[in-house]
Amino acid sequence: MARMDELYRNEVRGRLKERMSYGNVMQVPRISKITLNMGVGEAAADRKAIDAAVNDMTLISGQK
C-alpha cells in the first residue's frame, strides 16, 4: 500500500487537481481503502488450486 499511496500523493493527486480544476487540495478525492477479491469456486475441493490462488493474491497485494 505504501508504494501506491506514494504514487497517488506525488503524481495522481496533482494531475487530478489540474484536470478537474479543483481550487483546493482538500477537494481532490482520497483513497481510503483498497479491496481485492478473487473467485475460487472451482478450487474449493482442490487444496493445490487454493494455494496457487493465495500465492497469486500475495504477489498482487504484497500481503497474505
PDB file of N, CA and C in Angstrom:
ATOM      1  N   MET A   1       0.821  -1.194   0.000  1.00  0.00           N
ATOM      2  CA  MET A   1       0.000   0.000   0.000  1.00  0.00           C
ATOM      3  C   MET A   1       0.865   1.258   0.000  1.00  0.00           C
ATOM      4  N   ALA A   2       2.036   1.169   0.571  1.00  0.00           N
ATOM      5  CA  ALA A   2       2.876   2.360   0.678  1.00  0.00           C
ATOM      6  C   ALA A   2       3.283   2.890  -0.695  1.00  0.00           C
ATOM      7  N   ARG A   3       3.622   1.991  -1.626  1.00  0.00           N
ATOM      8  CA  ARG A   3       4.022   2.458  -2.959  1.00  0.00           C
ATOM      9  C   ARG A   3       2.856   3.091  -3.689  1.00  0.00           C
ATOM     10  N   MET A   4       1.682   2.506  -3.547  1.00  0.00           N
ATOM     11  CA  MET A   4       0.514   3.056  -4.227  1.00  0.00           C
ATOM     12  C   MET A   4       0.135   4.417  -3.627  1.00  0.00           C
ATOM     13  N   ASP A   5       0.225   4.526  -2.317  1.00  0.00           N
ATOM     14  CA  ASP A   5      -0.083   5.784  -1.655  1.00  0.00           C
ATOM     15  C   ASP A   5       0.908   6.865  -2.073  1.00  0.00           C
ATOM     16  N   GLU A   6       2.172   6.502  -2.171  1.00  0.00           N
ATOM     17  CA  GLU A   6       3.196   7.454  -2.604  1.00  0.00           C
ATOM     18  C   GLU A   6       2.957   7.907  -4.044  1.00  0.00           C
ATOM     19  N   LEU A   7       2.626   6.975  -4.925  1.00  0.00           N
ATOM     20  CA  LEU A   7       2.323   7.307  -6.316  1.00  0.00           C
ATOM     21  C   LEU A   7       1.122   8.243  -6.393  1.00  0.00           C
ATOM     22  N   TYR A   8       0.087   7.949  -5.613  1.00  0.00           N
ATOM     23  CA  TYR A   8      -1.108   8.787  -5.624  1.00  0.00           C
ATOM     24  C   TYR A   8      -0.787  10.200  -5.152  1.00  0.00           C
ATOM     25  N   ARG A   9      -0.063  10.303  -4.042  1.00  0.00           N
ATOM     26  CA  ARG A   9       0.241  11.625  -3.490  1.00  0.00           C
ATOM     27  C   ARG A   9       1.163  12.443  -4.387  1.00  0.00           C
ATOM     28  N   ASN A  10       2.149  11.789  -4.997  1.00  0.00           N
ATOM     29  CA  ASN A  10       3.141  12.527  -5.772  1.00  0.00           C
ATOM     30  C   ASN A  10       2.726  12.825  -7.205  1.00  0.00           C
ATOM     31  N   GLU A  11       1.942  11.959  -7.825  1.00  0.00           N
ATOM     32  CA  GLU A  11       1.630  12.143  -9.240  1.00  0.00           C
ATOM     33  C   GLU A  11       0.145  12.302  -9.527  1.00  0.00           C
ATOM     34  N   VAL A  12      -0.654  11.384  -9.066  1.00  0.00           N
ATOM     35  CA  VAL A  12      -2.070  11.354  -9.450  1.00  0.00           C
ATOM     36  C   VAL A  12      -2.835  12.530  -8.872  1.00  0.00           C
ATOM     37  N   ARG A  13      -2.592  12.856  -7.616  1.00  0.00           N
ATOM     38  CA  ARG A  13      -3.341  13.932  -6.973  1.00  0.00           C
ATOM     39  C   ARG A  13      -3.128  15.265  -7.691  1.00  0.00           C
ATOM     40  N   GLY A  14      -1.904  15.559  -8.098  1.00  0.00           N
ATOM     41  CA  GLY A  14      -1.623  16.803  -8.823  1.00  0.00           C
ATOM     42  C   GLY A  14      -2.321  16.850 -10.168  1.00  0.00           C
ATOM     43  N   ARG A  15      -2.287  15.713 -10.883  1.00  0.00           N
ATOM     44  CA  ARG A  15      -2.960  15.667 -12.183  1.00  0.00           C
ATOM     45  C   ARG A  15      -4.466  15.814 -12.042  1.00  0.00           C
ATOM     46  N   LEU A  16      -5.042  15.180 -11.000  1.00  0.00           N
ATOM     47  CA  LEU A  16      -6.486  15.321 -10.770  1.00  0.00           C
ATOM     48  C   LEU A  16      -6.853  16.772 -10.469  1.00  0.00           C
ATOM     49  N   LYS A  17      -6.029  17.435  -9.665  1.00  0.00           N
ATOM     50  CA  LYS A  17      -6.315  18.823  -9.308  1.00  0.00           C
ATOM     51  C   LYS A  17      -6.323  19.713 -10.547  1.00  0.00           C
ATOM     52  N   GLU A  18      -5.361  19.504 -11.442  1.00  0.00           N
ATOM     53  CA  GLU A  18      -5.306  20.299 -12.667  1.00  0.00           C
ATOM     54  C   GLU A  18      -6.448  19.952 -13.617  1.00  0.00           C
ATOM     55  N   ARG A  19      -6.690  18.657 -13.798  1.00  0.00           N
ATOM     56  CA  ARG A  19      -7.685  18.210 -14.775  1.00  0.00           C
ATOM     57  C   ARG A  19      -9.103  18.602 -14.379  1.00  0.00           C
ATOM     58  N   MET A  20      -9.417  18.491 -13.098  1.00  0.00           N
ATOM     59  CA  MET A  20     -10.772  18.788 -12.636  1.00  0.00           C
ATOM     60  C   MET A  20     -10.927  20.227 -12.152  1.00  0.00           C
ATOM     61  N   SER A  21      -9.858  21.009 -12.233  1.00  0.00           N
ATOM     62  CA  SER A  21      -9.859  22.424 -11.848  1.00  0.00           C
ATOM     63  C   SER A  21     -10.312  22.631 -10.406  1.00  0.00           C
ATOM     64  N   TYR A  22      -9.770  21.803  -9.502  1.00  0.00           N
ATOM     65  CA  TYR A  22     -10.066  21.981  -8.087  1.00  0.00           C
ATOM     66  C   TYR A  22      -9.271  23.173  -7.571  1.00  0.00           C
ATOM     67  N   GLY A  23      -9.910  24.004  -6.755  1.00  0.00           N
ATOM     68  CA  GLY A  23      -9.230  25.163  -6.199  1.00  0.00           C
ATOM     69  C   GLY A  23      -8.435  24.844  -4.958  1.00  0.00           C
ATOM     70  N   ASN A  24      -8.755  23.747  -4.307  1.00  0.00           N
ATOM     71  CA  ASN A  24      -8.136  23.392  -3.047  1.00  0.00           C
ATOM     72  C   ASN A  24      -7.711  21.928  -3.091  1.00  0.00           C
ATOM     73  N   VAL A  25      -6.598  21.597  -2.488  1.00  0.00           N
ATOM     74  CA  VAL A  25      -6.112  20.210  -2.466  1.00  0.00           C
ATOM     75  C   VAL A  25      -7.099  19.298  -1.724  1.00  0.00           C
ATOM     76  N   MET A  26      -7.818  19.856  -0.754  1.00  0.00           N
ATOM     77  CA  MET A  26      -8.762  19.050   0.029  1.00  0.00           C
ATOM     78  C   MET A  26      -9.980  18.615  -0.795  1.00  0.00           C
ATOM     79  N   GLN A  27     -10.188  19.188  -1.964  1.00  0.00           N
ATOM     80  CA  GLN A  27     -11.300  18.801  -2.823  1.00  0.00           C
ATOM     81  C   GLN A  27     -10.991  17.553  -3.637  1.00  0.00           C
ATOM     82  N   VAL A  28      -9.728  17.218  -3.768  1.00  0.00           N
ATOM     83  CA  VAL A  28      -9.318  16.052  -4.560  1.00  0.00           C
ATOM     84  C   VAL A  28      -9.710  14.785  -3.802  1.00  0.00           C
ATOM     85  N   PRO A  29     -10.352  13.823  -4.476  1.00  0.00           N
ATOM     86  CA  PRO A  29     -10.740  12.576  -3.797  1.00  0.00           C
ATOM     87  C   PRO A  29      -9.531  11.840  -3.226  1.00  0.00           C
ATOM     88  N   ARG A  30      -9.752  11.169  -2.101  1.00  0.00           N
ATOM     89  CA  ARG A  30      -8.698  10.407  -1.435  1.00  0.00           C
ATOM     90  C   ARG A  30      -9.002   8.915  -1.529  1.00  0.00           C
ATOM     91  N   ILE A  31      -7.947   8.112  -1.475  1.00  0.00           N
ATOM     92  CA  ILE A  31      -8.094   6.664  -1.408  1.00  0.00           C
ATOM     93  C   ILE A  31      -8.141   6.290   0.063  1.00  0.00           C
ATOM     94  N   SER A  32      -9.240   5.700   0.491  1.00  0.00           N
ATOM     95  CA  SER A  32      -9.346   5.321   1.897  1.00  0.00           C
ATOM     96  C   SER A  32      -9.179   3.818   2.101  1.00  0.00           C
ATOM     97  N   LYS A  33      -9.509   3.020   1.082  1.00  0.00           N
ATOM     98  CA  LYS A  33      -9.431   1.578   1.246  1.00  0.00           C
ATOM     99  C   LYS A  33      -9.370   0.914  -0.118  1.00  0.00           C
ATOM    100  N   ILE A  34      -8.573  -0.125  -0.208  1.00  0.00           N
ATOM    101  CA  ILE A  34      -8.479  -0.910  -1.430  1.00  0.00           C
ATOM    102  C   ILE A  34      -8.850  -2.335  -1.076  1.00  0.00           C
ATOM    103  N   THR A  35      -9.792  -2.897  -1.810  1.00  0.00           N
ATOM    104  CA  THR A  35     -10.257  -4.250  -1.553  1.00  0.00           C
ATOM    105  C   THR A  35      -9.974  -5.111  -2.771  1.00  0.00           C
ATOM    106  N   LEU A  36      -9.380  -6.265  -2.547  1.00  0.00           N
ATOM    107  CA  LEU A  36      -9.112  -7.227  -3.609  1.00  0.00           C
ATOM    108  C   LEU A  36     -10.010  -8.435  -3.402  1.00  0.00           C
ATOM    109  N   ASN A  37     -10.525  -8.960  -4.493  1.00  0.00           N
ATOM    110  CA  ASN A  37     -11.428 -10.098  -4.432  1.00  0.00           C
ATOM    111  C   ASN A  37     -11.033 -11.083  -5.525  1.00  0.00           C
ATOM    112  N   MET A  38     -11.104 -12.368  -5.211  1.00  0.00           N
ATOM    113  CA  MET A  38     -10.772 -13.395  -6.187  1.00  0.00           C
ATOM    114  C   MET A  38     -11.772 -14.541  -6.021  1.00  0.00           C
ATOM    115  N   GLY A  39     -12.396 -14.919  -7.116  1.00  0.00           N
ATOM    116  CA  GLY A  39     -13.319 -16.054  -7.080  1.00  0.00           C
ATOM    117  C   GLY A  39     -12.560 -17.356  -7.275  1.00  0.00           C
ATOM    118  N   VAL A  40     -12.714 -18.284  -6.356  1.00  0.00           N
ATOM    119  CA  VAL A  40     -12.051 -19.582  -6.442  1.00  0.00           C
ATOM    120  C   VAL A  40     -13.063 -20.697  -6.199  1.00  0.00           C
ATOM    121  N   GLY A  41     -14.223 -20.565  -6.799  1.00  0.00           N
ATOM    122  CA  GLY A  41     -15.300 -21.530  -6.572  1.00  0.00           C
ATOM    123  C   GLY A  41     -14.940 -22.945  -6.961  1.00  0.00           C
ATOM    124  N   GLU A  42     -14.321 -23.132  -8.116  1.00  0.00           N
ATOM    125  CA  GLU A  42     -13.969 -24.479  -8.563  1.00  0.00           C
ATOM    126  C   GLU A  42     -12.808 -25.057  -7.774  1.00  0.00           C
ATOM    127  N   ALA A  43     -12.078 -24.225  -7.061  1.00  0.00           N
ATOM    128  CA  ALA A  43     -10.916 -24.689  -6.313  1.00  0.00           C
ATOM    129  C   ALA A  43     -11.248 -25.086  -4.883  1.00  0.00           C
ATOM    130  N   ALA A  44     -12.508 -25.057  -4.512  1.00  0.00           N
ATOM    131  CA  ALA A  44     -12.882 -25.361  -3.131  1.00  0.00           C
ATOM    132  C   ALA A  44     -12.506 -26.784  -2.735  1.00  0.00           C
ATOM    133  N   ALA A  45     -12.521 -27.706  -3.665  1.00  0.00           N
ATOM    134  CA  ALA A  45     -12.197 -29.091  -3.357  1.00  0.00           C
ATOM    135  C   ALA A  45     -10.720 -29.403  -3.570  1.00  0.00           C
ATOM    136  N   ASP A  46      -9.991 -28.557  -4.257  1.00  0.00           N
ATOM    137  CA  ASP A  46      -8.595 -28.822  -4.596  1.00  0.00           C
ATOM    138  C   ASP A  46      -7.676 -27.890  -3.802  1.00  0.00           C
ATOM    139  N   ARG A  47      -6.954 -28.457  -2.857  1.00  0.00           N
ATOM    140  CA  ARG A  47      -6.079 -27.669  -1.984  1.00  0.00           C
ATOM    141  C   ARG A  47      -4.952 -26.987  -2.769  1.00  0.00           C
ATOM    142  N   LYS A  48      -4.434 -27.625  -3.794  1.00  0.00           N
ATOM    143  CA  LYS A  48      -3.346 -27.033  -4.583  1.00  0.00           C
ATOM    144  C   LYS A  48      -3.816 -25.787  -5.325  1.00  0.00           C
ATOM    145  N   ALA A  49      -5.049 -25.818  -5.801  1.00  0.00           N
ATOM    146  CA  ALA A  49      -5.587 -24.654  -6.509  1.00  0.00           C
ATOM    147  C   ALA A  49      -5.781 -23.481  -5.547  1.00  0.00           C
ATOM    148  N   ILE A  50      -6.194 -23.768  -4.330  1.00  0.00           N
ATOM    149  CA  ILE A  50      -6.360 -22.699  -3.343  1.00  0.00           C
ATOM    150  C   ILE A  50      -5.003 -22.115  -2.972  1.00  0.00           C
ATOM    151  N   ASP A  51      -3.997 -22.972  -2.804  1.00  0.00           N
ATOM    152  CA  ASP A  51      -2.655 -22.481  -2.505  1.00  0.00           C
ATOM    153  C   ASP A  51      -2.122 -21.602  -3.634  1.00  0.00           C
ATOM    154  N   ALA A  52      -2.392 -21.986  -4.870  1.00  0.00           N
ATOM    155  CA  ALA A  52      -1.968 -21.185  -6.012  1.00  0.00           C
ATOM    156  C   ALA A  52      -2.677 -19.824  -6.010  1.00  0.00           C
ATOM    157  N   ALA A  53      -3.959 -19.828  -5.674  1.00  0.00           N
ATOM    158  CA  ALA A  53      -4.717 -18.575  -5.621  1.00  0.00           C
ATOM    159  C   ALA A  53      -4.180 -17.669  -4.518  1.00  0.00           C
ATOM    160  N   VAL A  54      -3.835 -18.256  -3.369  1.00  0.00           N
ATOM    161  CA  VAL A  54      -3.272 -17.473  -2.263  1.00  0.00           C
ATOM    162  C   VAL A  54      -1.926 -16.888  -2.676  1.00  0.00           C
ATOM    163  N   ASN A  55      -1.111 -17.660  -3.361  1.00  0.00           N
ATOM    164  CA  ASN A  55       0.185 -17.158  -3.820  1.00  0.00           C
ATOM    165  C   ASN A  55       0.017 -16.014  -4.817  1.00  0.00           C
ATOM    166  N   ASP A  56      -0.948 -16.138  -5.729  1.00  0.00           N
ATOM    167  CA  ASP A  56      -1.208 -15.065  -6.695  1.00  0.00           C
ATOM    168  C   ASP A  56      -1.659 -13.789  -5.995  1.00  0.00           C
ATOM    169  N   MET A  57      -2.564 -13.931  -5.049  1.00  0.00           N
ATOM    170  CA  MET A  57      -3.062 -12.762  -4.323  1.00  0.00           C
ATOM    171  C   MET A  57      -1.953 -12.125  -3.490  1.00  0.00           C
ATOM    172  N   THR A  58      -1.062 -12.947  -2.949  1.00  0.00           N
ATOM    173  CA  THR A  58       0.070 -12.428  -2.184  1.00  0.00           C
ATOM    174  C   THR A  58       1.000 -11.616  -3.083  1.00  0.00           C
ATOM    175  N   LEU A  59       1.231 -12.085  -4.300  1.00  0.00           N
ATOM    176  CA  LEU A  59       2.075 -11.357  -5.226  1.00  0.00           C
ATOM    177  C   LEU A  59       1.451 -10.021  -5.632  1.00  0.00           C
ATOM    178  N   ILE A  60       0.152 -10.018  -5.832  1.00  0.00           N
ATOM    179  CA  ILE A  60      -0.545  -8.799  -6.258  1.00  0.00           C
ATOM    180  C   ILE A  60      -0.565  -7.764  -5.143  1.00  0.00           C
ATOM    181  N   SER A  61      -0.913  -8.203  -3.929  1.00  0.00           N
ATOM    182  CA  SER A  61      -1.143  -7.247  -2.843  1.00  0.00           C
ATOM    183  C   SER A  61       0.078  -6.979  -1.980  1.00  0.00           C
ATOM    184  N   GLY A  62       1.014  -7.915  -1.941  1.00  0.00           N
ATOM    185  CA  GLY A  62       2.155  -7.754  -1.044  1.00  0.00           C
ATOM    186  C   GLY A  62       1.830  -8.133   0.376  1.00  0.00           C
ATOM    187  N   GLN A  63       0.650  -8.718   0.598  1.00  0.00           N
ATOM    188  CA  GLN A  63       0.224  -9.162   1.921  1.00  0.00           C
ATOM    189  C   GLN A  63      -0.336 -10.560   1.817  1.00  0.00           C
ATOM    190  N   LYS A  64      -0.396 -11.241   2.958  1.00  0.00           N
ATOM    191  CA  LYS A  64      -1.004 -12.570   2.960  1.00  0.00           C
ATOM    192  C   LYS A  64      -2.159 -12.586   3.920  1.00  0.00           C
TER     193      LYS A  64
END
